[in-house]
């Protein structure tokens, strides 16, 4: 499967949303609290933005 053939926004969205949902579920189930660390969310968002930028650049080079 060629990841560059997918829409450019799909992979970064999945890489951001899934870990946030897992962290929310674990915090709710294990620690009985709502929410996650703002640093975790910011780190995931920045990572997803970098991956999105790399995907767009690689698609343009193709």
C-alpha atoms as a PDB file:
ATOM      1  CA  UNK A   1       0.000   0.000   0.000  1.00  0.00           C
ATOM      2  CA  UNK A   2       1.386   3.355  -1.032  1.00  0.00           C
ATOM      3  CA  UNK A   3       0.788   5.885   1.749  1.00  0.00           C
ATOM      4  CA  UNK A   4       1.332   8.771  -0.648  1.00  0.00           C
ATOM      5  CA  UNK A   5      -1.648   7.714  -2.761  1.00  0.00           C
ATOM      6  CA  UNK A   6      -4.069   8.360   0.114  1.00  0.00           C
ATOM      7  CA  UNK A   7      -5.456  11.867   0.705  1.00  0.00           C
ATOM      8  CA  UNK A   8      -2.666  13.904   2.302  1.00  0.00           C
ATOM      9  CA  UNK A   9      -4.679  14.684   5.430  1.00  0.00           C
ATOM     10  CA  UNK A  10      -5.726  11.111   6.296  1.00  0.00           C
ATOM     11  CA  UNK A  11      -2.528   9.771   7.900  1.00  0.00           C
ATOM     12  CA  UNK A  12      -1.823  12.837  10.110  1.00  0.00           C
ATOM     13  CA  UNK A  13      -5.454  12.886  11.244  1.00  0.00           C
ATOM     14  CA  UNK A  14      -5.351   9.230  12.230  1.00  0.00           C
ATOM     15  CA  UNK A  15      -1.974   9.653  13.958  1.00  0.00           C
ATOM     16  CA  UNK A  16      -3.415  12.541  16.003  1.00  0.00           C
ATOM     17  CA  UNK A  17      -6.947  11.348  16.768  1.00  0.00           C
ATOM     18  CA  UNK A  18      -6.282   7.708  17.693  1.00  0.00           C
ATOM     19  CA  UNK A  19      -3.663   8.364  20.419  1.00  0.00           C
ATOM     20  CA  UNK A  20      -5.801  11.148  21.906  1.00  0.00           C
ATOM     21  CA  UNK A  21      -8.827   8.843  22.041  1.00  0.00           C
ATOM     22  CA  UNK A  22      -6.749   6.053  23.588  1.00  0.00           C
ATOM     23  CA  UNK A  23      -5.312   8.444  26.191  1.00  0.00           C
ATOM     24  CA  UNK A  24      -8.794   9.725  27.033  1.00  0.00           C
ATOM     25  CA  UNK A  25     -10.109   6.176  27.395  1.00  0.00           C
ATOM     26  CA  UNK A  26      -7.197   5.044  29.581  1.00  0.00           C
ATOM     27  CA  UNK A  27      -7.469   8.105  31.821  1.00  0.00           C
ATOM     28  CA  UNK A  28     -11.203   7.592  32.185  1.00  0.00           C
ATOM     29  CA  UNK A  29     -11.017   3.834  32.786  1.00  0.00           C
ATOM     30  CA  UNK A  30      -7.802   3.520  34.798  1.00  0.00           C
ATOM     31  CA  UNK A  31      -7.439   6.803  36.653  1.00  0.00           C
ATOM     32  CA  UNK A  32     -11.123   7.876  36.762  1.00  0.00           C
ATOM     33  CA  UNK A  33     -10.440  11.389  35.526  1.00  0.00           C
ATOM     34  CA  UNK A  34     -11.451  13.294  32.436  1.00  0.00           C
ATOM     35  CA  UNK A  35      -9.065  14.922  30.003  1.00  0.00           C
ATOM     36  CA  UNK A  36      -5.425  14.406  29.102  1.00  0.00           C
ATOM     37  CA  UNK A  37      -2.272  16.443  29.491  1.00  0.00           C
ATOM     38  CA  UNK A  38      -2.146  19.525  27.315  1.00  0.00           C
ATOM     39  CA  UNK A  39       1.500  18.731  26.602  1.00  0.00           C
ATOM     40  CA  UNK A  40       0.536  15.337  25.158  1.00  0.00           C
ATOM     41  CA  UNK A  41      -2.096  16.887  22.894  1.00  0.00           C
ATOM     42  CA  UNK A  42       0.279  19.633  21.743  1.00  0.00           C
ATOM     43  CA  UNK A  43       3.042  17.108  21.057  1.00  0.00           C
ATOM     44  CA  UNK A  44       0.725  14.877  19.036  1.00  0.00           C
ATOM     45  CA  UNK A  45      -0.571  17.872  17.086  1.00  0.00           C
ATOM     46  CA  UNK A  46       2.926  19.126  16.248  1.00  0.00           C
ATOM     47  CA  UNK A  47       3.969  15.628  15.203  1.00  0.00           C
ATOM     48  CA  UNK A  48       0.910  15.298  12.977  1.00  0.00           C
ATOM     49  CA  UNK A  49       1.652  18.688  11.386  1.00  0.00           C
ATOM     50  CA  UNK A  50       5.241  17.650  10.595  1.00  0.00           C
ATOM     51  CA  UNK A  51       4.043  14.394   9.056  1.00  0.00           C
ATOM     52  CA  UNK A  52       1.448  16.278   6.988  1.00  0.00           C
ATOM     53  CA  UNK A  53       4.132  18.658   5.734  1.00  0.00           C
ATOM     54  CA  UNK A  54       6.409  15.765   4.765  1.00  0.00           C
ATOM     55  CA  UNK A  55       3.577  14.017   2.928  1.00  0.00           C
ATOM     56  CA  UNK A  56       2.724  17.156   0.946  1.00  0.00           C
ATOM     57  CA  UNK A  57       6.399  17.730   0.064  1.00  0.00           C
ATOM     58  CA  UNK A  58       6.901  14.107  -1.014  1.00  0.00           C
ATOM     59  CA  UNK A  59       3.742  14.209  -3.135  1.00  0.00           C
ATOM     60  CA  UNK A  60       4.992  17.354  -4.877  1.00  0.00           C
ATOM     61  CA  UNK A  61       8.397  15.783  -5.536  1.00  0.00           C
ATOM     62  CA  UNK A  62       6.718  12.759  -7.034  1.00  0.00           C
END
